[in-house]
Amino acid sequence: MVTVFGMSEIGPWALMDPSASGGDMIMRMMARNSMSEKLAEDIDKAVKAIADNAYEIALRHIRNNREAIDQIVEVLLEKETMTGDEFRAILAEFTEIPKENQMPQATVSI
């Protein structure tokens, strides 16, 4: 996100060739070694900021939806699995589910 697509405060440009971001460890190490230490530090800070922000958002969602999460956990501890309809039914008790996230009801014709 930061080095390949330029999605950070570092700048709106790609800092690394997409081939270097794949599974080839040597290519990633060569790409990392070809940049300045300052740029590498800036990339590390940008990645950490994104991760920290995502963590705070996740915690906020958990805190704001604690009752729903507790009820979902109870069902999962009892049954181990849950259908999407069951999940949405529990969630609907606590919040309004947007139309685009609701499954269309099946219609039966005779």
C-alpha atoms as a PDB file:
ATOM      1  CA  MET A   1       0.000   0.000   0.000  1.00  0.00           C
ATOM      2  CA  VAL A   2       2.768   2.416   0.933  1.00  0.00           C
ATOM      3  CA  THR A   3       5.600   1.376  -1.364  1.00  0.00           C
ATOM      4  CA  VAL A   4       3.795  -0.082  -4.376  1.00  0.00           C
ATOM      5  CA  PHE A   5       0.730   2.168  -4.621  1.00  0.00           C
ATOM      6  CA  GLY A   6       2.017   5.351  -2.945  1.00  0.00           C
ATOM      7  CA  MET A   7      -0.811   5.496  -0.420  1.00  0.00           C
ATOM      8  CA  SER A   8       0.814   7.418   2.440  1.00  0.00           C
ATOM      9  CA  GLU A   9       2.108  10.796   3.537  1.00  0.00           C
ATOM     10  CA  ILE A  10       5.446   9.980   1.869  1.00  0.00           C
ATOM     11  CA  GLY A  11       3.975  10.881  -1.479  1.00  0.00           C
ATOM     12  CA  PRO A  12       1.546   9.799  -4.164  1.00  0.00           C
ATOM     13  CA  TRP A  13       4.034   7.705  -6.091  1.00  0.00           C
ATOM     14  CA  ALA A  14       5.165   4.105  -6.142  1.00  0.00           C
ATOM     15  CA  LEU A  15       8.479   3.642  -4.370  1.00  0.00           C
ATOM     16  CA  MET A  16       8.997   0.023  -5.317  1.00  0.00           C
ATOM     17  CA  ASP A  17       8.569  -2.069  -8.436  1.00  0.00           C
ATOM     18  CA  PRO A  18       5.502  -4.323  -8.068  1.00  0.00           C
ATOM     19  CA  SER A  19       7.681  -7.357  -8.876  1.00  0.00           C
ATOM     20  CA  ALA A  20       9.702  -6.600  -5.735  1.00  0.00           C
ATOM     21  CA  SER A  21       6.624  -6.845  -3.529  1.00  0.00           C
ATOM     22  CA  GLY A  22       5.861 -10.444  -4.453  1.00  0.00           C
ATOM     23  CA  GLY A  23       7.009 -13.594  -2.756  1.00  0.00           C
ATOM     24  CA  ASP A  24      10.638 -13.306  -3.887  1.00  0.00           C
ATOM     25  CA  MET A  25      12.590 -12.436  -0.739  1.00  0.00           C
ATOM     26  CA  ILE A  26      15.758 -11.534  -2.668  1.00  0.00           C
ATOM     27  CA  MET A  27      13.886  -8.998  -4.823  1.00  0.00           C
ATOM     28  CA  ARG A  28      12.366  -7.397  -1.710  1.00  0.00           C
ATOM     29  CA  MET A  29      15.766  -7.210  -0.001  1.00  0.00           C
ATOM     30  CA  MET A  30      17.370  -5.657  -3.099  1.00  0.00           C
ATOM     31  CA  ALA A  31      14.580  -3.072  -3.339  1.00  0.00           C
ATOM     32  CA  ARG A  32      14.958  -2.236   0.358  1.00  0.00           C
ATOM     33  CA  ASN A  33      18.757  -1.897   0.022  1.00  0.00           C
ATOM     34  CA  SER A  34      18.447   0.456  -2.958  1.00  0.00           C
ATOM     35  CA  MET A  35      16.681   3.167  -0.935  1.00  0.00           C
ATOM     36  CA  SER A  36      18.077   5.585   1.605  1.00  0.00           C
ATOM     37  CA  GLU A  37      17.941   4.826   5.301  1.00  0.00           C
ATOM     38  CA  LYS A  38      15.726   7.900   5.807  1.00  0.00           C
ATOM     39  CA  LEU A  39      13.248   6.706   3.179  1.00  0.00           C
ATOM     40  CA  ALA A  40      13.195   3.226   4.726  1.00  0.00           C
ATOM     41  CA  GLU A  41      12.461   4.798   8.132  1.00  0.00           C
ATOM     42  CA  ASP A  42       9.693   6.937   6.603  1.00  0.00           C
ATOM     43  CA  ILE A  43       8.154   3.833   5.010  1.00  0.00           C
ATOM     44  CA  ASP A  44       8.299   1.980   8.340  1.00  0.00           C
ATOM     45  CA  LYS A  45       6.614   4.939  10.094  1.00  0.00           C
ATOM     46  CA  ALA A  46       3.905   5.127   7.415  1.00  0.00           C
ATOM     47  CA  VAL A  47       3.171   1.400   7.677  1.00  0.00           C
ATOM     48  CA  LYS A  48       3.075   1.623  11.484  1.00  0.00           C
ATOM     49  CA  ALA A  49       0.699   4.598  11.332  1.00  0.00           C
ATOM     50  CA  ILE A  50      -1.669   2.675   9.048  1.00  0.00           C
ATOM     51  CA  ALA A  51      -1.577  -0.375  11.338  1.00  0.00           C
ATOM     52  CA  ASP A  52      -2.061   1.730  14.481  1.00  0.00           C
ATOM     53  CA  ASN A  53      -5.017   3.544  12.906  1.00  0.00           C
ATOM     54  CA  ALA A  54      -6.639   0.268  11.827  1.00  0.00           C
ATOM     55  CA  TYR A  55      -6.151  -1.122  15.344  1.00  0.00           C
ATOM     56  CA  GLU A  56      -7.852   1.910  16.912  1.00  0.00           C
ATOM     57  CA  ILE A  57     -10.778   1.625  14.475  1.00  0.00           C
ATOM     58  CA  ALA A  58     -11.144  -2.086  15.313  1.00  0.00           C
ATOM     59  CA  LEU A  59     -11.106  -1.357  19.062  1.00  0.00           C
ATOM     60  CA  ARG A  60     -13.720   1.381  18.615  1.00  0.00           C
ATOM     61  CA  HIS A  61     -15.995  -1.014  16.690  1.00  0.00           C
ATOM     62  CA  ILE A  62     -15.582  -3.659  19.391  1.00  0.00           C
ATOM     63  CA  ARG A  63     -16.336  -1.186  22.184  1.00  0.00           C
ATOM     64  CA  ASN A  64     -19.329   0.319  20.374  1.00  0.00           C
ATOM     65  CA  ASN A  65     -20.797  -3.094  19.529  1.00  0.00           C
ATOM     66  CA  ARG A  66     -19.855  -5.046  22.644  1.00  0.00           C
ATOM     67  CA  GLU A  67     -23.343  -6.433  23.349  1.00  0.00           C
ATOM     68  CA  ALA A  68     -23.762  -7.725  19.791  1.00  0.00           C
ATOM     69  CA  ILE A  69     -20.275  -9.255  19.812  1.00  0.00           C
ATOM     70  CA  ASP A  70     -20.941 -10.965  23.156  1.00  0.00           C
ATOM     71  CA  GLN A  71     -24.150 -12.496  21.826  1.00  0.00           C
ATOM     72  CA  ILE A  72     -22.428 -13.661  18.632  1.00  0.00           C
ATOM     73  CA  VAL A  73     -19.636 -15.190  20.729  1.00  0.00           C
ATOM     74  CA  GLU A  74     -22.199 -17.066  22.860  1.00  0.00           C
ATOM     75  CA  VAL A  75     -23.759 -18.611  19.754  1.00  0.00           C
ATOM     76  CA  LEU A  76     -20.355 -19.509  18.308  1.00  0.00           C
ATOM     77  CA  LEU A  77     -19.216 -21.115  21.571  1.00  0.00           C
ATOM     78  CA  GLU A  78     -22.355 -23.229  21.556  1.00  0.00           C
ATOM     79  CA  LYS A  79     -22.550 -24.120  17.845  1.00  0.00           C
ATOM     80  CA  GLU A  80     -19.056 -23.281  16.491  1.00  0.00           C
ATOM     81  CA  THR A  81     -20.527 -22.093  13.189  1.00  0.00           C
ATOM     82  CA  MET A  82     -23.086 -19.511  12.176  1.00  0.00           C
ATOM     83  CA  THR A  83     -24.777 -18.719   8.899  1.00  0.00           C
ATOM     84  CA  GLY A  84     -24.785 -15.229   7.462  1.00  0.00           C
ATOM     85  CA  ASP A  85     -28.529 -15.012   8.137  1.00  0.00           C
ATOM     86  CA  GLU A  86     -27.986 -15.908  11.800  1.00  0.00           C
ATOM     87  CA  PHE A  87     -25.215 -13.330  12.073  1.00  0.00           C
ATOM     88  CA  ARG A  88     -27.361 -10.614  10.486  1.00  0.00           C
ATOM     89  CA  ALA A  89     -30.346 -11.510  12.697  1.00  0.00           C
ATOM     90  CA  ILE A  90     -28.287 -11.018  15.862  1.00  0.00           C
ATOM     91  CA  LEU A  91     -26.687  -7.853  14.533  1.00  0.00           C
ATOM     92  CA  ALA A  92     -30.095  -6.447  13.514  1.00  0.00           C
ATOM     93  CA  GLU A  93     -31.135  -6.563  17.193  1.00  0.00           C
ATOM     94  CA  PHE A  94     -28.505  -3.930  17.959  1.00  0.00           C
ATOM     95  CA  THR A  95     -28.145  -1.809  14.825  1.00  0.00           C
ATOM     96  CA  GLU A  96     -29.708  -1.147  11.454  1.00  0.00           C
ATOM     97  CA  ILE A  97     -28.102  -3.172   8.691  1.00  0.00           C
ATOM     98  CA  PRO A  98     -27.653  -1.188   5.439  1.00  0.00           C
ATOM     99  CA  LYS A  99     -29.708  -2.448   2.485  1.00  0.00           C
ATOM    100  CA  GLU A 100     -26.596  -3.363   0.464  1.00  0.00           C
ATOM    101  CA  ASN A 101     -25.507  -5.731   3.265  1.00  0.00           C
ATOM    102  CA  GLN A 102     -28.855  -7.478   3.552  1.00  0.00           C
ATOM    103  CA  MET A 103     -29.412 -10.667   1.630  1.00  0.00           C
ATOM    104  CA  PRO A 104     -32.472 -10.676  -0.609  1.00  0.00           C
ATOM    105  CA  GLN A 105     -35.209 -12.926   0.725  1.00  0.00           C
ATOM    106  CA  ALA A 106     -35.773 -16.049  -1.346  1.00  0.00           C
ATOM    107  CA  THR A 107     -39.158 -16.244  -2.976  1.00  0.00           C
ATOM    108  CA  VAL A 108     -40.972 -19.501  -3.495  1.00  0.00           C
ATOM    109  CA  SER A 109     -43.398 -19.934  -6.385  1.00  0.00           C
ATOM    110  CA  ILE A 110     -45.986 -22.672  -6.750  1.00  0.00           C
END
